[in-house]
């Protein structure tokens, strides 16, 4: 049996799909402004979920993640002509009626290994937040396929800061939808 906290073992917020109430993706791993040196308003999100089991599930989740299908299945419009995730790729994402909200990001780091794949992107203007978000899918030794979403962000738009609790709720819902999309892809 491993020792330490769930965060120490790297399985913070894991849900195994067994219905045991380990989390619903809304609020798990979401912190307050507790990160010294980042300045006011910064929040960290770190949520992981088991999305499947086995090599085939990992291959499907990997392809969907690097090809922007996690975002698409979560309700975010990403143009089909957008190249798969690679360093310096710009991705324009829109949500809402008529693409009302535009979020532009630049991919920084990319991992594409036999048992891990993912990327980090950085928000660019006119994104409503500033910061970065990482999506990582892993095929673990126990055969579980785990999707992790990690971000460090703060609201960039003054209107969003005025309704901060609502904006943070929207972020939590988005993370939950990304995790659900990962589960659909891994099937």
Protein backbone atom coordinates (compact mmCIF):
# COMPACT_ATOMS: atom_id res chain seq x y z
CA UNK A 1 0.00 0.00 0.00
CA UNK A 2 1.44 3.39 -0.93
CA UNK A 3 1.81 6.03 1.72
CA UNK A 4 1.15 9.76 1.60
CA UNK A 5 -1.77 11.81 0.46
CA UNK A 6 -3.60 11.37 -2.81
CA UNK A 7 -1.82 14.44 -4.17
CA UNK A 8 1.56 12.96 -3.19
CA UNK A 9 0.74 9.79 -5.14
CA UNK A 10 -0.45 11.79 -8.16
CA UNK A 11 -4.05 10.58 -7.99
CA UNK A 12 -5.70 13.67 -6.54
CA UNK A 13 -9.36 13.73 -7.42
CA UNK A 14 -9.34 10.37 -9.19
CA UNK A 15 -12.67 8.85 -9.99
CA UNK A 16 -12.76 5.21 -10.92
CA UNK A 17 -16.28 5.25 -12.29
CA UNK A 18 -17.51 2.91 -9.57
CA UNK A 19 -20.06 5.38 -8.28
CA UNK A 20 -18.36 5.69 -4.91
CA UNK A 21 -18.67 9.47 -4.81
CA UNK A 22 -14.99 10.27 -5.30
CA UNK A 23 -15.90 13.38 -7.24
CA UNK A 24 -18.06 14.85 -9.93
CA UNK A 25 -15.48 17.12 -11.55
CA UNK A 26 -17.08 20.24 -10.10
CA UNK A 27 -14.72 21.74 -7.59
CA UNK A 28 -12.36 18.85 -6.91
CA UNK A 29 -8.81 20.12 -6.75
CA UNK A 30 -9.80 23.73 -7.27
CA UNK A 31 -7.97 26.08 -4.95
CA UNK A 32 -8.25 29.60 -3.73
CA UNK A 33 -5.62 32.28 -4.19
CA UNK A 34 -3.02 30.38 -2.21
CA UNK A 35 -0.03 30.48 -4.52
CA UNK A 36 2.52 33.01 -3.27
CA UNK A 37 4.28 35.02 -5.94
CA UNK A 38 1.55 34.70 -8.54
CA UNK A 39 -0.28 37.82 -7.40
CA UNK A 40 -3.95 38.32 -6.64
CA UNK A 41 -6.65 36.36 -8.39
CA UNK A 42 -4.61 33.35 -9.53
CA UNK A 43 -6.18 29.93 -9.06
CA UNK A 44 -4.91 26.45 -9.67
CA UNK A 45 -7.00 23.56 -10.93
CA UNK A 46 -5.77 19.98 -10.85
CA UNK A 47 -8.35 17.28 -11.53
CA UNK A 48 -7.82 13.70 -12.73
CA UNK A 49 -10.31 11.04 -13.73
CA UNK A 50 -10.07 7.47 -14.92
CA UNK A 51 -11.55 7.60 -18.42
CA UNK A 52 -10.98 4.00 -19.47
CA UNK A 53 -8.75 0.95 -19.29
CA UNK A 54 -6.30 -0.65 -21.68
CA UNK A 55 -4.17 0.19 -24.66
CA UNK A 56 -7.05 0.75 -27.07
CA UNK A 57 -8.72 3.21 -24.70
CA UNK A 58 -5.42 5.06 -24.32
CA UNK A 59 -4.91 5.20 -28.10
CA UNK A 60 -8.39 6.65 -28.64
CA UNK A 61 -8.05 9.16 -25.80
CA UNK A 62 -4.57 10.17 -27.01
CA UNK A 63 -5.73 10.74 -30.60
CA UNK A 64 -8.76 12.71 -29.44
CA UNK A 65 -6.77 14.84 -27.04
CA UNK A 66 -4.01 15.77 -29.49
CA UNK A 67 -6.59 16.30 -32.27
CA UNK A 68 -8.77 18.73 -30.20
CA UNK A 69 -11.70 16.34 -29.85
CA UNK A 70 -11.69 16.71 -26.05
CA UNK A 71 -12.51 20.38 -26.56
CA UNK A 72 -15.02 19.71 -29.33
CA UNK A 73 -16.91 17.07 -27.32
CA UNK A 74 -16.95 19.47 -24.37
CA UNK A 75 -18.90 21.96 -26.49
CA UNK A 76 -16.01 24.18 -27.57
CA UNK A 77 -15.79 24.95 -31.29
CA UNK A 78 -12.31 24.32 -32.70
CA UNK A 79 -12.07 24.69 -36.49
CA UNK A 80 -11.45 21.37 -38.22
CA UNK A 81 -8.48 22.90 -40.07
CA UNK A 82 -6.64 23.44 -36.76
CA UNK A 83 -3.43 21.36 -36.78
CA UNK A 84 -3.08 18.71 -34.08
CA UNK A 85 -1.42 19.92 -30.89
CA UNK A 86 2.25 20.75 -31.51
CA UNK A 87 4.57 23.46 -30.21
CA UNK A 88 3.58 26.96 -31.37
CA UNK A 89 0.26 25.88 -32.90
CA UNK A 90 -2.36 28.59 -32.45
CA UNK A 91 -5.84 27.35 -31.62
CA UNK A 92 -8.90 29.57 -31.83
CA UNK A 93 -11.72 28.26 -29.67
CA UNK A 94 -15.22 29.69 -29.50
CA UNK A 95 -18.21 29.00 -27.31
CA UNK A 96 -21.70 30.33 -26.97
CA UNK A 97 -24.28 31.37 -29.51
CA UNK A 98 -22.60 32.33 -32.76
CA UNK A 99 -19.16 31.88 -31.19
CA UNK A 100 -19.77 34.84 -28.91
CA UNK A 101 -16.78 34.07 -26.67
CA UNK A 102 -13.40 33.74 -28.41
CA UNK A 103 -10.43 32.13 -26.69
CA UNK A 104 -7.08 32.16 -28.48
CA UNK A 105 -4.27 29.93 -27.19
CA UNK A 106 -0.75 28.97 -28.23
CA UNK A 107 0.47 25.43 -27.61
CA UNK A 108 3.71 25.36 -25.66
CA UNK A 109 4.89 21.96 -24.51
CA UNK A 110 3.70 18.70 -26.05
CA UNK A 111 4.23 15.18 -24.68
CA UNK A 112 3.67 12.24 -27.00
CA UNK A 113 5.14 9.10 -25.49
CA UNK A 114 4.05 5.44 -25.57
CA UNK A 115 2.09 5.77 -22.29
CA UNK A 116 1.61 9.56 -21.91
CA UNK A 117 0.34 12.24 -24.26
CA UNK A 118 -0.80 15.79 -23.87
CA UNK A 119 -0.03 19.46 -24.16
CA UNK A 120 0.03 22.77 -22.39
CA UNK A 121 -1.37 25.89 -23.95
CA UNK A 122 -1.11 29.51 -22.93
CA UNK A 123 -4.02 31.92 -23.17
CA UNK A 124 -3.56 34.85 -25.57
CA UNK A 125 -5.78 37.87 -26.04
CA UNK A 126 -8.76 37.91 -26.51
CA UNK A 127 -8.99 34.96 -24.09
CA UNK A 128 -11.12 35.85 -21.02
CA UNK A 129 -8.39 34.45 -18.75
CA UNK A 130 -4.66 34.70 -18.55
CA UNK A 131 -2.59 31.69 -17.68
CA UNK A 132 -2.05 28.18 -18.94
CA UNK A 133 -3.82 24.85 -19.04
CA UNK A 134 -2.40 21.35 -19.38
CA UNK A 135 -4.22 18.27 -20.63
CA UNK A 136 -2.46 14.94 -20.06
CA UNK A 137 -3.68 11.40 -20.70
CA UNK A 138 -1.72 8.53 -19.17
CA UNK A 139 -1.89 4.76 -19.50
CA UNK A 140 -0.86 3.73 -16.01
CA UNK A 141 0.77 0.50 -14.86
CA UNK A 142 -2.55 -0.74 -13.44
CA UNK A 143 -4.01 -0.42 -17.01
CA UNK A 144 -6.11 2.63 -16.06
CA UNK A 145 -6.27 5.47 -18.59
CA UNK A 146 -6.33 8.74 -16.68
CA UNK A 147 -7.03 12.23 -18.03
CA UNK A 148 -5.69 15.13 -15.97
CA UNK A 149 -6.52 18.79 -16.45
CA UNK A 150 -4.25 21.26 -14.67
CA UNK A 151 -4.40 25.02 -14.96
CA UNK A 152 -3.07 28.18 -13.43
CA UNK A 153 -5.23 31.12 -14.36
CA UNK A 154 -6.88 34.34 -13.39
CA UNK A 155 -9.68 36.26 -14.98
CA UNK A 156 -8.33 38.80 -17.47
CA UNK A 157 -11.50 40.66 -18.45
CA UNK A 158 -12.85 43.29 -16.07
CA UNK A 159 -16.47 42.17 -16.72
CA UNK A 160 -15.55 38.57 -15.80
CA UNK A 161 -13.84 39.76 -12.61
CA UNK A 162 -17.02 41.59 -11.63
CA UNK A 163 -18.91 38.29 -11.69
CA UNK A 164 -15.98 36.20 -10.48
CA UNK A 165 -18.00 33.46 -8.71
CA UNK A 166 -20.03 32.87 -11.87
CA UNK A 167 -16.92 32.90 -14.06
CA UNK A 168 -15.21 30.37 -11.76
CA UNK A 169 -18.30 28.15 -11.91
CA UNK A 170 -18.09 28.25 -15.71
CA UNK A 171 -14.43 27.13 -15.44
CA UNK A 172 -15.40 24.22 -13.19
CA UNK A 173 -18.12 23.14 -15.58
CA UNK A 174 -15.66 23.32 -18.50
CA UNK A 175 -13.19 21.06 -16.68
CA UNK A 176 -15.96 18.58 -15.89
CA UNK A 177 -16.96 18.57 -19.56
CA UNK A 178 -13.35 17.99 -20.68
CA UNK A 179 -13.15 14.98 -18.36
CA UNK A 180 -16.47 13.64 -19.62
CA UNK A 181 -15.25 14.09 -23.20
CA UNK A 182 -12.12 12.11 -22.37
CA UNK A 183 -14.29 9.28 -21.10
CA UNK A 184 -16.36 9.31 -24.30
CA UNK A 185 -13.23 9.24 -26.45
CA UNK A 186 -11.70 6.34 -24.55
CA UNK A 187 -14.71 4.07 -25.08
